[in-house]
Amino acid sequence: MVGDISYIPTWEGWLYLATVIDCHTKAIIGYAMDDHYRTPLISAAIINAARTIPLTPGAIFHTDRGSNYQCH
């Protein structure tokens, strides 16, 4: 799995989108959106991914090592 954060300009300000992608199927298996770029956003995306598919013990989750992903 890989994770990333995108930010999208809206009329009301920035919308932050955290995603978790299954590298095998290339499907987005978890995501979360909010008006902030803090650790709870990333935690919500990871929790949603774990609710979507059963995670294999030892599964690898890769990010670009952004500070928010390191805090979880």
Protein backbone atom coordinates (compact mmCIF):
# COMPACT_ATOMS: atom_id res chain seq x y z
CA MET A 1 0.00 0.00 0.00
CA VAL A 2 1.06 3.57 -0.57
CA GLY A 3 -0.26 6.79 0.89
CA ASP A 4 -0.23 10.39 -0.18
CA ILE A 5 -1.91 13.71 0.52
CA SER A 6 -3.29 16.07 -2.11
CA TYR A 7 -4.64 19.54 -1.55
CA ILE A 8 -7.44 20.94 -3.66
CA PRO A 9 -8.38 24.63 -3.86
CA THR A 10 -12.08 25.30 -3.27
CA TRP A 11 -14.20 28.42 -2.89
CA GLU A 12 -14.07 27.90 0.88
CA GLY A 13 -10.31 27.29 1.14
CA TRP A 14 -8.09 24.24 0.83
CA LEU A 15 -9.49 20.71 0.97
CA TYR A 16 -6.93 18.08 2.00
CA LEU A 17 -7.35 14.53 0.70
CA ALA A 18 -5.35 11.66 2.20
CA THR A 19 -5.44 8.41 0.24
CA VAL A 20 -4.30 4.82 0.74
CA ILE A 21 -3.80 2.86 -2.49
CA ASP A 22 -3.43 -0.91 -2.92
CA CYS A 23 -0.40 -1.34 -5.19
CA HIS A 24 -1.61 -4.70 -6.49
CA THR A 25 -5.05 -3.61 -7.67
CA LYS A 26 -4.30 0.14 -7.91
CA ALA A 27 -7.60 0.74 -6.09
CA ILE A 28 -8.05 3.46 -3.52
CA ILE A 29 -8.89 1.42 -0.44
CA GLY A 30 -9.03 4.26 2.07
CA TYR A 31 -9.35 8.01 2.05
CA ALA A 32 -10.22 10.93 4.28
CA MET A 33 -10.88 14.61 3.62
CA ASP A 34 -10.69 17.64 5.90
CA ASP A 35 -9.82 21.31 6.02
CA HIS A 36 -6.51 20.62 7.79
CA TYR A 37 -3.29 18.78 7.09
CA ARG A 38 -2.64 17.09 10.43
CA THR A 39 -2.15 13.58 11.75
CA PRO A 40 -5.89 12.81 12.37
CA LEU A 41 -6.47 13.15 8.62
CA ILE A 42 -3.88 10.46 7.87
CA SER A 43 -5.11 8.24 10.71
CA ALA A 44 -8.65 8.37 9.33
CA ALA A 45 -7.46 7.32 5.85
CA ILE A 46 -5.50 4.37 7.26
CA ILE A 47 -8.41 3.28 9.48
CA ASN A 48 -10.78 3.47 6.49
CA ALA A 49 -8.40 1.30 4.45
CA ALA A 50 -8.27 -1.31 7.23
CA ARG A 51 -12.09 -1.38 7.26
CA THR A 52 -12.23 -1.84 3.48
CA ILE A 53 -9.96 -4.86 3.11
CA PRO A 54 -8.39 -7.29 5.55
CA LEU A 55 -4.77 -6.25 5.97
CA THR A 56 -2.27 -9.09 5.88
CA PRO A 57 0.06 -9.24 8.88
CA GLY A 58 3.35 -7.71 7.80
CA ALA A 59 1.75 -5.66 5.03
CA ILE A 60 3.96 -2.79 3.89
CA PHE A 61 2.67 0.79 3.89
CA HIS A 62 4.88 3.26 2.04
CA THR A 63 4.79 7.05 1.92
CA ASP A 64 7.24 9.73 0.93
CA ARG A 65 8.03 10.02 4.65
CA GLY A 66 6.08 13.21 5.15
CA SER A 67 5.93 14.32 8.76
CA ASN A 68 2.24 13.51 9.18
CA TYR A 69 2.63 9.88 8.18
CA GLN A 70 5.56 9.47 10.58
CA CYS A 71 3.40 10.66 13.50
CA HIS A 72 0.87 7.85 13.24
